[in-house]
Amino acid sequence: EKDLTTIEGLTKTLEFETLSNQGEIKAT
């Protein structure tokens, strides 16, 4: 659901990166 042009899309991308096991930020 990555869409960096909207607040909602950026929020969902941040959630994925920090909360999902597939997120690069969380894994690091």
mmCIF file of all heavy atoms, coordinates in Angstrom:
data_MODEL
# 
_entry.id   MODEL 
# 
loop_
_atom_site.group_PDB 
_atom_site.id 
_atom_site.type_symbol 
_atom_site.label_atom_id 
_atom_site.label_alt_id 
_atom_site.label_comp_id 
_atom_site.label_asym_id 
_atom_site.label_entity_id 
_atom_site.label_seq_id 
_atom_site.pdbx_PDB_ins_code 
_atom_site.Cartn_x 
_atom_site.Cartn_y 
_atom_site.Cartn_z 
_atom_site.occupancy 
_atom_site.B_iso_or_equiv 
_atom_site.pdbx_formal_charge 
_atom_site.auth_seq_id 
_atom_site.auth_comp_id 
_atom_site.auth_asym_id 
_atom_site.auth_atom_id 
_atom_site.pdbx_PDB_model_num 
ATOM 1   N N   . GLU A 1 1  ? 0.826  -1.215  0.000  1.00 0.00 ? 1  GLU A N   1 
ATOM 2   C CA  . GLU A 1 1  ? 0.000  0.000   0.000  1.00 0.00 ? 1  GLU A CA  1 
ATOM 3   C C   . GLU A 1 1  ? 0.862  1.267   0.000  1.00 0.00 ? 1  GLU A C   1 
ATOM 4   O O   . GLU A 1 1  ? 0.386  2.328   0.380  1.00 0.00 ? 1  GLU A O   1 
ATOM 5   C CB  . GLU A 1 1  ? -0.929 -0.006  1.215  1.00 0.00 ? 1  GLU A CB  1 
ATOM 6   C CG  . GLU A 1 1  ? -1.897 -1.182  1.223  1.00 0.00 ? 1  GLU A CG  1 
ATOM 7   C CD  . GLU A 1 1  ? -2.779 -1.184  2.466  1.00 0.00 ? 1  GLU A CD  1 
ATOM 8   O OE1 . GLU A 1 1  ? -2.346 -1.745  3.494  1.00 0.00 ? 1  GLU A OE1 1 
ATOM 9   O OE2 . GLU A 1 1  ? -3.885 -0.628  2.400  1.00 0.00 ? 1  GLU A OE2 1 
ATOM 10  N N   . LYS A 1 2  ? 2.110  1.149   -0.444 1.00 0.00 ? 2  LYS A N   1 
ATOM 11  C CA  . LYS A 1 2  ? 3.008  2.305   -0.431 1.00 0.00 ? 2  LYS A CA  1 
ATOM 12  C C   . LYS A 1 2  ? 2.505  3.395   -1.365 1.00 0.00 ? 2  LYS A C   1 
ATOM 13  O O   . LYS A 1 2  ? 2.281  3.177   -2.543 1.00 0.00 ? 2  LYS A O   1 
ATOM 14  C CB  . LYS A 1 2  ? 4.418  1.887   -0.839 1.00 0.00 ? 2  LYS A CB  1 
ATOM 15  C CG  . LYS A 1 2  ? 5.420  3.039   -0.808 1.00 0.00 ? 2  LYS A CG  1 
ATOM 16  C CD  . LYS A 1 2  ? 6.839  2.568   -1.072 1.00 0.00 ? 2  LYS A CD  1 
ATOM 17  C CE  . LYS A 1 2  ? 7.041  2.157   -2.500 1.00 0.00 ? 2  LYS A CE  1 
ATOM 18  N NZ  . LYS A 1 2  ? 8.445  1.823   -2.803 1.00 0.00 ? 2  LYS A NZ  1 
ATOM 19  N N   . ASP A 1 3  ? 2.331  4.575   -0.801 1.00 0.00 ? 3  ASP A N   1 
ATOM 20  C CA  . ASP A 1 3  ? 1.977  5.771   -1.566 1.00 0.00 ? 3  ASP A CA  1 
ATOM 21  C C   . ASP A 1 3  ? 2.541  6.950   -0.780 1.00 0.00 ? 3  ASP A C   1 
ATOM 22  O O   . ASP A 1 3  ? 1.944  7.392   0.203  1.00 0.00 ? 3  ASP A O   1 
ATOM 23  C CB  . ASP A 1 3  ? 0.462  5.898   -1.731 1.00 0.00 ? 3  ASP A CB  1 
ATOM 24  C CG  . ASP A 1 3  ? 0.078  7.163   -2.486 1.00 0.00 ? 3  ASP A CG  1 
ATOM 25  O OD1 . ASP A 1 3  ? 0.991  7.884   -2.944 1.00 0.00 ? 3  ASP A OD1 1 
ATOM 26  O OD2 . ASP A 1 3  ? -1.132 7.449   -2.604 1.00 0.00 ? 3  ASP A OD2 1 
ATOM 27  N N   . LEU A 1 4  ? 3.676  7.443   -1.208 1.00 0.00 ? 4  LEU A N   1 
ATOM 28  C CA  . LEU A 1 4  ? 4.376  8.472   -0.439 1.00 0.00 ? 4  LEU A CA  1 
ATOM 29  C C   . LEU A 1 4  ? 3.888  9.881   -0.752 1.00 0.00 ? 4  LEU A C   1 
ATOM 30  O O   . LEU A 1 4  ? 4.489  10.856  -0.302 1.00 0.00 ? 4  LEU A O   1 
ATOM 31  C CB  . LEU A 1 4  ? 5.886  8.365   -0.692 1.00 0.00 ? 4  LEU A CB  1 
ATOM 32  C CG  . LEU A 1 4  ? 6.493  6.981   -0.447 1.00 0.00 ? 4  LEU A CG  1 
ATOM 33  C CD1 . LEU A 1 4  ? 8.003  7.026   -0.621 1.00 0.00 ? 4  LEU A CD1 1 
ATOM 34  C CD2 . LEU A 1 4  ? 6.125  6.451   0.924  1.00 0.00 ? 4  LEU A CD2 1 
ATOM 35  N N   . THR A 1 5  ? 2.790  9.991   -1.497 1.00 0.00 ? 5  THR A N   1 
ATOM 36  C CA  . THR A 1 5  ? 2.252  11.319  -1.830 1.00 0.00 ? 5  THR A CA  1 
ATOM 37  C C   . THR A 1 5  ? 1.122  11.744  -0.899 1.00 0.00 ? 5  THR A C   1 
ATOM 38  O O   . THR A 1 5  ? 0.638  12.868  -1.003 1.00 0.00 ? 5  THR A O   1 
ATOM 39  C CB  . THR A 1 5  ? 1.720  11.340  -3.276 1.00 0.00 ? 5  THR A CB  1 
ATOM 40  O OG1 . THR A 1 5  ? 0.589  10.456  -3.377 1.00 0.00 ? 5  THR A OG1 1 
ATOM 41  C CG2 . THR A 1 5  ? 2.802  10.907  -4.251 1.00 0.00 ? 5  THR A CG2 1 
ATOM 42  N N   . THR A 1 6  ? 0.699  10.847  0.002  1.00 0.00 ? 6  THR A N   1 
ATOM 43  C CA  . THR A 1 6  ? -0.389 11.184  0.920  1.00 0.00 ? 6  THR A CA  1 
ATOM 44  C C   . THR A 1 6  ? 0.004  10.822  2.346  1.00 0.00 ? 6  THR A C   1 
ATOM 45  O O   . THR A 1 6  ? 0.854  9.947   2.575  1.00 0.00 ? 6  THR A O   1 
ATOM 46  C CB  . THR A 1 6  ? -1.687 10.421  0.574  1.00 0.00 ? 6  THR A CB  1 
ATOM 47  O OG1 . THR A 1 6  ? -1.478 9.005   0.781  1.00 0.00 ? 6  THR A OG1 1 
ATOM 48  C CG2 . THR A 1 6  ? -2.085 10.663  -0.880 1.00 0.00 ? 6  THR A CG2 1 
ATOM 49  N N   . ILE A 1 7  ? -0.631 11.486  3.310  1.00 0.00 ? 7  ILE A N   1 
ATOM 50  C CA  . ILE A 1 7  ? -0.395 11.181  4.723  1.00 0.00 ? 7  ILE A CA  1 
ATOM 51  C C   . ILE A 1 7  ? -0.772 9.735   5.014  1.00 0.00 ? 7  ILE A C   1 
ATOM 52  O O   . ILE A 1 7  ? -0.041 9.004   5.689  1.00 0.00 ? 7  ILE A O   1 
ATOM 53  C CB  . ILE A 1 7  ? -1.216 12.130  5.627  1.00 0.00 ? 7  ILE A CB  1 
ATOM 54  C CG1 . ILE A 1 7  ? -0.668 13.562  5.543  1.00 0.00 ? 7  ILE A CG1 1 
ATOM 55  C CG2 . ILE A 1 7  ? -1.200 11.644  7.071  1.00 0.00 ? 7  ILE A CG2 1 
ATOM 56  C CD1 . ILE A 1 7  ? 0.683  13.730  6.198  1.00 0.00 ? 7  ILE A CD1 1 
ATOM 57  N N   . GLU A 1 8  ? -1.923 9.290   4.488  1.00 0.00 ? 8  GLU A N   1 
ATOM 58  C CA  . GLU A 1 8  ? -2.378 7.926   4.734  1.00 0.00 ? 8  GLU A CA  1 
ATOM 59  C C   . GLU A 1 8  ? -1.404 6.901   4.164  1.00 0.00 ? 8  GLU A C   1 
ATOM 60  O O   . GLU A 1 8  ? -1.059 5.916   4.820  1.00 0.00 ? 8  GLU A O   1 
ATOM 61  C CB  . GLU A 1 8  ? -3.768 7.722   4.125  1.00 0.00 ? 8  GLU A CB  1 
ATOM 62  C CG  . GLU A 1 8  ? -4.340 6.330   4.381  1.00 0.00 ? 8  GLU A CG  1 
ATOM 63  C CD  . GLU A 1 8  ? -5.700 6.128   3.741  1.00 0.00 ? 8  GLU A CD  1 
ATOM 64  O OE1 . GLU A 1 8  ? -6.164 7.035   3.011  1.00 0.00 ? 8  GLU A OE1 1 
ATOM 65  O OE2 . GLU A 1 8  ? -6.294 5.054   3.952  1.00 0.00 ? 8  GLU A OE2 1 
ATOM 66  N N   . GLY A 1 9  ? -0.936 7.139   2.937  1.00 0.00 ? 9  GLY A N   1 
ATOM 67  C CA  . GLY A 1 9  ? -0.007 6.206   2.308  1.00 0.00 ? 9  GLY A CA  1 
ATOM 68  C C   . GLY A 1 9  ? 1.327  6.153   3.017  1.00 0.00 ? 9  GLY A C   1 
ATOM 69  O O   . GLY A 1 9  ? 1.908  5.076   3.199  1.00 0.00 ? 9  GLY A O   1 
ATOM 70  N N   . LEU A 1 10 ? 1.819  7.306   3.452  1.00 0.00 ? 10 LEU A N   1 
ATOM 71  C CA  . LEU A 1 10 ? 3.084  7.346   4.175  1.00 0.00 ? 10 LEU A CA  1 
ATOM 72  C C   . LEU A 1 10 ? 2.948  6.659   5.528  1.00 0.00 ? 10 LEU A C   1 
ATOM 73  O O   . LEU A 1 10 ? 3.849  5.936   5.972  1.00 0.00 ? 10 LEU A O   1 
ATOM 74  C CB  . LEU A 1 10 ? 3.540  8.799   4.356  1.00 0.00 ? 10 LEU A CB  1 
ATOM 75  C CG  . LEU A 1 10 ? 4.885  9.019   5.058  1.00 0.00 ? 10 LEU A CG  1 
ATOM 76  C CD1 . LEU A 1 10 ? 5.993  8.240   4.376  1.00 0.00 ? 10 LEU A CD1 1 
ATOM 77  C CD2 . LEU A 1 10 ? 5.218  10.499  5.090  1.00 0.00 ? 10 LEU A CD2 1 
ATOM 78  N N   . THR A 1 11 ? 1.808  6.876   6.188  1.00 0.00 ? 11 THR A N   1 
ATOM 79  C CA  . THR A 1 11 ? 1.556  6.228   7.476  1.00 0.00 ? 11 THR A CA  1 
ATOM 80  C C   . THR A 1 11 ? 1.573  4.714   7.334  1.00 0.00 ? 11 THR A C   1 
ATOM 81  O O   . THR A 1 11 ? 2.188  4.008   8.143  1.00 0.00 ? 11 THR A O   1 
ATOM 82  C CB  . THR A 1 11 ? 0.195  6.681   8.043  1.00 0.00 ? 11 THR A CB  1 
ATOM 83  O OG1 . THR A 1 11 ? 0.217  8.095   8.241  1.00 0.00 ? 11 THR A OG1 1 
ATOM 84  C CG2 . THR A 1 11 ? -0.090 5.991   9.372  1.00 0.00 ? 11 THR A CG2 1 
ATOM 85  N N   . LYS A 1 12 ? 0.908  4.203   6.302  1.00 0.00 ? 12 LYS A N   1 
ATOM 86  C CA  . LYS A 1 12 ? 0.857  2.747   6.101  1.00 0.00 ? 12 LYS A CA  1 
ATOM 87  C C   . LYS A 1 12 ? 2.248  2.184   5.783  1.00 0.00 ? 12 LYS A C   1 
ATOM 88  O O   . LYS A 1 12 ? 2.592  1.083   6.220  1.00 0.00 ? 12 LYS A O   1 
ATOM 89  C CB  . LYS A 1 12 ? -0.113 2.415   4.972  1.00 0.00 ? 12 LYS A CB  1 
ATOM 90  C CG  . LYS A 1 12 ? -1.571 2.611   5.372  1.00 0.00 ? 12 LYS A CG  1 
ATOM 91  C CD  . LYS A 1 12 ? -2.517 2.251   4.234  1.00 0.00 ? 12 LYS A CD  1 
ATOM 92  C CE  . LYS A 1 12 ? -3.958 2.406   4.680  1.00 0.00 ? 12 LYS A CE  1 
ATOM 93  N NZ  . LYS A 1 12 ? -4.915 2.103   3.579  1.00 0.00 ? 12 LYS A NZ  1 
ATOM 94  N N   . THR A 1 13 ? 3.041  2.944   5.038  1.00 0.00 ? 13 THR A N   1 
ATOM 95  C CA  . THR A 1 13 ? 4.395  2.495   4.724  1.00 0.00 ? 13 THR A CA  1 
ATOM 96  C C   . THR A 1 13 ? 5.264  2.475   5.973  1.00 0.00 ? 13 THR A C   1 
ATOM 97  O O   . THR A 1 13 ? 6.048  1.542   6.189  1.00 0.00 ? 13 THR A O   1 
ATOM 98  C CB  . THR A 1 13 ? 5.029  3.410   3.656  1.00 0.00 ? 13 THR A CB  1 
ATOM 99  O OG1 . THR A 1 13 ? 4.144  3.526   2.542  1.00 0.00 ? 13 THR A OG1 1 
ATOM 100 C CG2 . THR A 1 13 ? 6.358  2.851   3.179  1.00 0.00 ? 13 THR A CG2 1 
ATOM 101 N N   . LEU A 1 14 ? 5.125  3.500   6.821  1.00 0.00 ? 14 LEU A N   1 
ATOM 102 C CA  . LEU A 1 14 ? 5.863  3.536   8.082  1.00 0.00 ? 14 LEU A CA  1 
ATOM 103 C C   . LEU A 1 14 ? 5.455  2.381   8.990  1.00 0.00 ? 14 LEU A C   1 
ATOM 104 O O   . LEU A 1 14 ? 6.296  1.752   9.633  1.00 0.00 ? 14 LEU A O   1 
ATOM 105 C CB  . LEU A 1 14 ? 5.607  4.869   8.792  1.00 0.00 ? 14 LEU A CB  1 
ATOM 106 C CG  . LEU A 1 14 ? 6.437  6.063   8.316  1.00 0.00 ? 14 LEU A CG  1 
ATOM 107 C CD1 . LEU A 1 14 ? 5.868  7.357   8.864  1.00 0.00 ? 14 LEU A CD1 1 
ATOM 108 C CD2 . LEU A 1 14 ? 7.886  5.917   8.750  1.00 0.00 ? 14 LEU A CD2 1 
ATOM 109 N N   . GLU A 1 15 ? 4.154  2.113   9.046  1.00 0.00 ? 15 GLU A N   1 
ATOM 110 C CA  . GLU A 1 15 ? 3.671  0.983   9.853  1.00 0.00 ? 15 GLU A CA  1 
ATOM 111 C C   . GLU A 1 15 ? 4.295  -0.317  9.366  1.00 0.00 ? 15 GLU A C   1 
ATOM 112 O O   . GLU A 1 15 ? 4.751  -1.146  10.171 1.00 0.00 ? 15 GLU A O   1 
ATOM 113 C CB  . GLU A 1 15 ? 2.143  0.889   9.762  1.00 0.00 ? 15 GLU A CB  1 
ATOM 114 C CG  . GLU A 1 15 ? 1.399  1.920   10.572 1.00 0.00 ? 15 GLU A CG  1 
ATOM 115 C CD  . GLU A 1 15 ? -0.101 1.684   10.510 1.00 0.00 ? 15 GLU A CD  1 
ATOM 116 O OE1 . GLU A 1 15 ? -0.522 0.515   10.414 1.00 0.00 ? 15 GLU A OE1 1 
ATOM 117 O OE2 . GLU A 1 15 ? -0.851 2.672   10.538 1.00 0.00 ? 15 GLU A OE2 1 
ATOM 118 N N   . PHE A 1 16 ? 4.296  -0.521  8.063  1.00 0.00 ? 16 PHE A N   1 
ATOM 119 C CA  . PHE A 1 16 ? 4.867  -1.742  7.497  1.00 0.00 ? 16 PHE A CA  1 
ATOM 120 C C   . PHE A 1 16 ? 6.342  -1.860  7.852  1.00 0.00 ? 16 PHE A C   1 
ATOM 121 O O   . PHE A 1 16 ? 6.806  -2.924  8.293  1.00 0.00 ? 16 PHE A O   1 
ATOM 122 C CB  . PHE A 1 16 ? 4.687  -1.730  5.973  1.00 0.00 ? 16 PHE A CB  1 
ATOM 123 C CG  . PHE A 1 16 ? 5.323  -2.905  5.274  1.00 0.00 ? 16 PHE A CG  1 
ATOM 124 C CD1 . PHE A 1 16 ? 4.632  -4.103  5.134  1.00 0.00 ? 16 PHE A CD1 1 
ATOM 125 C CD2 . PHE A 1 16 ? 6.616  -2.821  4.765  1.00 0.00 ? 16 PHE A CD2 1 
ATOM 126 C CE1 . PHE A 1 16 ? 5.228  -5.188  4.501  1.00 0.00 ? 16 PHE A CE1 1 
ATOM 127 C CE2 . PHE A 1 16 ? 7.213  -3.902  4.131  1.00 0.00 ? 16 PHE A CE2 1 
ATOM 128 C CZ  . PHE A 1 16 ? 6.517  -5.090  3.997  1.00 0.00 ? 16 PHE A CZ  1 
ATOM 129 N N   . GLU A 1 17 ? 7.093  -0.781  7.691  1.00 0.00 ? 17 GLU A N   1 
ATOM 130 C CA  . GLU A 1 17 ? 8.534  -0.820  7.919  1.00 0.00 ? 17 GLU A CA  1 
ATOM 131 C C   . GLU A 1 17 ? 8.899  -1.012  9.393  1.00 0.00 ? 17 GLU A C   1 
ATOM 132 O O   . GLU A 1 17 ? 9.932  -1.601  9.702  1.00 0.00 ? 17 GLU A O   1 
ATOM 133 C CB  . GLU A 1 17 ? 9.180  0.461   7.389  1.00 0.00 ? 17 GLU A CB  1 
ATOM 134 C CG  . GLU A 1 17 ? 9.363  0.479   5.888  1.00 0.00 ? 17 GLU A CG  1 
ATOM 135 C CD  . GLU A 1 17 ? 10.298 -0.627  5.414  1.00 0.00 ? 17 GLU A CD  1 
ATOM 136 O OE1 . GLU A 1 17 ? 11.345 -0.830  6.053  1.00 0.00 ? 17 GLU A OE1 1 
ATOM 137 O OE2 . GLU A 1 17 ? 9.964  -1.300  4.422  1.00 0.00 ? 17 GLU A OE2 1 
ATOM 138 N N   . THR A 1 18 ? 8.073  -0.529  10.308 1.00 0.00 ? 18 THR A N   1 
ATOM 139 C CA  . THR A 1 18 ? 8.409  -0.619  11.732 1.00 0.00 ? 18 THR A CA  1 
ATOM 140 C C   . THR A 1 18 ? 7.711  -1.755  12.458 1.00 0.00 ? 18 THR A C   1 
ATOM 141 O O   . THR A 1 18 ? 8.182  -2.192  13.510 1.00 0.00 ? 18 THR A O   1 
ATOM 142 C CB  . THR A 1 18 ? 8.060  0.703   12.448 1.00 0.00 ? 18 THR A CB  1 
ATOM 143 O OG1 . THR A 1 18 ? 6.692  1.046   12.189 1.00 0.00 ? 18 THR A OG1 1 
ATOM 144 C CG2 . THR A 1 18 ? 8.953  1.828   11.984 1.00 0.00 ? 18 THR A CG2 1 
ATOM 145 N N   . LEU A 1 19 ? 6.604  -2.275  11.900 1.00 0.00 ? 19 LEU A N   1 
ATOM 146 C CA  . LEU A 1 19 ? 5.826  -3.286  12.616 1.00 0.00 ? 19 LEU A CA  1 
ATOM 147 C C   . LEU A 1 19 ? 5.805  -4.646  11.936 1.00 0.00 ? 19 LEU A C   1 
ATOM 148 O O   . LEU A 1 19 ? 5.600  -5.668  12.602 1.00 0.00 ? 19 LEU A O   1 
ATOM 149 C CB  . LEU A 1 19 ? 4.381  -2.798  12.809 1.00 0.00 ? 19 LEU A CB  1 
ATOM 150 C CG  . LEU A 1 19 ? 4.223  -1.459  13.550 1.00 0.00 ? 19 LEU A CG  1 
ATOM 151 C CD1 . LEU A 1 19 ? 2.745  -1.084  13.626 1.00 0.00 ? 19 LEU A CD1 1 
ATOM 152 C CD2 . LEU A 1 19 ? 4.823  -1.527  14.942 1.00 0.00 ? 19 LEU A CD2 1 
ATOM 153 N N   . SER A 1 20 ? 6.015  -4.672  10.623 1.00 0.00 ? 20 SER A N   1 
ATOM 154 C CA  . SER A 1 20 ? 5.977  -5.947  9.907  1.00 0.00 ? 20 SER A CA  1 
ATOM 155 C C   . SER A 1 20 ? 7.342  -6.627  9.947  1.00 0.00 ? 20 SER A C   1 
ATOM 156 O O   . SER A 1 20 ? 8.386  -5.971  9.897  1.00 0.00 ? 20 SER A O   1 
ATOM 157 C CB  . SER A 1 20 ? 5.568  -5.713  8.447  1.00 0.00 ? 20 SER A CB  1 
ATOM 158 O OG  . SER A 1 20 ? 5.755  -6.882  7.679  1.00 0.00 ? 20 SER A OG  1 
ATOM 159 N N   . ASN A 1 21 ? 7.314  -7.943  10.007 1.00 0.00 ? 21 ASN A N   1 
ATOM 160 C CA  . ASN A 1 21 ? 8.571  -8.695  9.988  1.00 0.00 ? 21 ASN A CA  1 
ATOM 161 C C   . ASN A 1 21 ? 9.292  -8.573  8.653  1.00 0.00 ? 21 ASN A C   1 
ATOM 162 O O   . ASN A 1 21 ? 10.475 -8.895  8.540  1.00 0.00 ? 21 ASN A O   1 
ATOM 163 C CB  . ASN A 1 21 ? 8.295  -10.171 10.283 1.00 0.00 ? 21 ASN A CB  1 
ATOM 164 C CG  . ASN A 1 21 ? 7.892  -10.402 11.730 1.00 0.00 ? 21 ASN A CG  1 
ATOM 165 O OD1 . ASN A 1 21 ? 8.296  -9.653  12.621 1.00 0.00 ? 21 ASN A OD1 1 
ATOM 166 N ND2 . ASN A 1 21 ? 7.079  -11.422 11.964 1.00 0.00 ? 21 ASN A ND2 1 
ATOM 167 N N   . GLN A 1 22 ? 8.582  -8.105  7.602  1.00 0.00 ? 22 GLN A N   1 
ATOM 168 C CA  . GLN A 1 22 ? 9.208  -7.907  6.298  1.00 0.00 ? 22 GLN A CA  1 
ATOM 169 C C   . GLN A 1 22 ? 9.801  -6.493  6.155  1.00 0.00 ? 22 GLN A C   1 
ATOM 170 O O   . GLN A 1 22 ? 10.444 -6.188  5.155  1.00 0.00 ? 22 GLN A O   1 
ATOM 171 C CB  . GLN A 1 22 ? 8.193  -8.130  5.165  1.00 0.00 ? 22 GLN A CB  1 
ATOM 172 C CG  . GLN A 1 22 ? 7.839  -9.581  4.894  1.00 0.00 ? 22 GLN A CG  1 
ATOM 173 C CD  . GLN A 1 22 ? 6.932  -10.156 5.983  1.00 0.00 ? 22 GLN A CD  1 
ATOM 174 O OE1 . GLN A 1 22 ? 5.928  -9.546  6.346  1.00 0.00 ? 22 GLN A OE1 1 
ATOM 175 N NE2 . GLN A 1 22 ? 7.287  -11.332 6.480  1.00 0.00 ? 22 GLN A NE2 1 
ATOM 176 N N   . GLY A 1 23 ? 9.579  -5.657  7.160  1.00 0.00 ? 23 GLY A N   1 
ATOM 177 C CA  . GLY A 1 23 ? 10.082 -4.293  7.087  1.00 0.00 ? 23 GLY A CA  1 
ATOM 178 C C   . GLY A 1 23 ? 11.587 -4.228  7.306  1.00 0.00 ? 23 GLY A C   1 
ATOM 179 O O   . GLY A 1 23 ? 12.116 -4.822  8.254  1.00 0.00 ? 23 GLY A O   1 
ATOM 180 N N   . GLU A 1 24 ? 12.282 -3.521  6.443  1.00 0.00 ? 24 GLU A N   1 
ATOM 181 C CA  . GLU A 1 24 ? 13.736 -3.424  6.547  1.00 0.00 ? 24 GLU A CA  1 
ATOM 182 C C   . GLU A 1 24 ? 14.157 -2.683  7.820  1.00 0.00 ? 24 GLU A C   1 
ATOM 183 O O   . GLU A 1 24 ? 15.139 -3.040  8.469  1.00 0.00 ? 24 GLU A O   1 
ATOM 184 C CB  . GLU A 1 24 ? 14.299 -2.706  5.315  1.00 0.00 ? 24 GLU A CB  1 
ATOM 185 C CG  . GLU A 1 24 ? 15.823 -2.637  5.287  1.00 0.00 ? 24 GLU A CG  1 
ATOM 186 C CD  . GLU A 1 24 ? 16.356 -1.933  4.062  1.00 0.00 ? 24 GLU A CD  1 
ATOM 187 O OE1 . GLU A 1 24 ? 15.545 -1.479  3.233  1.00 0.00 ? 24 GLU A OE1 1 
ATOM 188 O OE2 . GLU A 1 24 ? 17.593 -1.831  3.932  1.00 0.00 ? 24 GLU A OE2 1 
ATOM 189 N N   . ILE A 1 25 ? 13.411 -1.644  8.186  1.00 0.00 ? 25 ILE A N   1 
ATOM 190 C CA  . ILE A 1 25 ? 13.747 -0.876  9.394  1.00 0.00 ? 25 ILE A CA  1 
ATOM 191 C C   . ILE A 1 25 ? 13.621 -1.744  10.630 1.00 0.00 ? 25 ILE A C   1 
ATOM 192 O O   . ILE A 1 25 ? 14.509 -1.777  11.487 1.00 0.00 ? 25 ILE A O   1 
ATOM 193 C CB  . ILE A 1 25 ? 12.840 0.368   9.507  1.00 0.00 ? 25 ILE A CB  1 
ATOM 194 C CG1 . ILE A 1 25 ? 13.169 1.362   8.390  1.00 0.00 ? 25 ILE A CG1 1 
ATOM 195 C CG2 . ILE A 1 25 ? 13.019 1.049   10.865 1.00 0.00 ? 25 ILE A CG2 1 
ATOM 196 C CD1 . ILE A 1 25 ? 12.260 2.587   8.350  1.00 0.00 ? 25 ILE A CD1 1 
ATOM 197 N N   . LYS A 1 26 ? 12.509 -2.480  10.715 1.00 0.00 ? 26 LYS A N   1 
ATOM 198 C CA  . LYS A 1 26 ? 12.315 -3.343  11.885 1.00 0.00 ? 26 LYS A CA  1 
ATOM 199 C C   . LYS A 1 26 ? 13.395 -4.425  11.942 1.00 0.00 ? 26 LYS A C   1 
ATOM 200 O O   . LYS A 1 26 ? 13.966 -4.674  13.020 1.00 0.00 ? 26 LYS A O   1 
ATOM 201 C CB  . LYS A 1 26 ? 10.935 -4.004  11.844 1.00 0.00 ? 26 LYS A CB  1 
ATOM 202 C CG  . LYS A 1 26 ? 10.707 -4.951  13.021 1.00 0.00 ? 26 LYS A CG  1 
ATOM 203 C CD  . LYS A 1 26 ? 9.334  -5.594  12.998 1.00 0.00 ? 26 LYS A CD  1 
ATOM 204 C CE  . LYS A 1 26 ? 9.174  -6.557  14.157 1.00 0.00 ? 26 LYS A CE  1 
ATOM 205 N NZ  . LYS A 1 26 ? 7.840  -7.209  14.168 1.00 0.00 ? 26 LYS A NZ  1 
ATOM 206 N N   . ALA A 1 27 ? 13.692 -5.043  10.811 1.00 0.00 ? 27 ALA A N   1 
ATOM 207 C CA  . ALA A 1 27 ? 14.687 -6.122  10.792 1.00 0.00 ? 27 ALA A CA  1 
ATOM 208 C C   . ALA A 1 27 ? 16.047 -5.619  11.257 1.00 0.00 ? 27 ALA A C   1 
ATOM 209 O O   . ALA A 1 27 ? 16.745 -6.291  12.036 1.00 0.00 ? 27 ALA A O   1 
ATOM 210 C CB  . ALA A 1 27 ? 14.786 -6.700  9.383  1.00 0.00 ? 27 ALA A CB  1 
ATOM 211 N N   . THR A 1 28 ? 16.420 -4.413  10.823 1.00 0.00 ? 28 THR A N   1 
ATOM 212 C CA  . THR A 1 28 ? 17.721 -3.852  11.204 1.00 0.00 ? 28 THR A CA  1 
ATOM 213 C C   . THR A 1 28 ? 17.770 -3.541  12.690 1.00 0.00 ? 28 THR A C   1 
ATOM 214 O O   . THR A 1 28 ? 18.751 -3.872  13.374 1.00 0.00 ? 28 THR A O   1 
ATOM 215 C CB  . THR A 1 28 ? 17.993 -2.574  10.382 1.00 0.00 ? 28 THR A CB  1 
ATOM 216 O OG1 . THR A 1 28 ? 17.957 -2.900  8.993  1.00 0.00 ? 28 THR A OG1 1 
ATOM 217 C CG2 . THR A 1 28 ? 19.354 -1.995  10.734 1.00 0.00 ? 28 THR A CG2 1 
# 
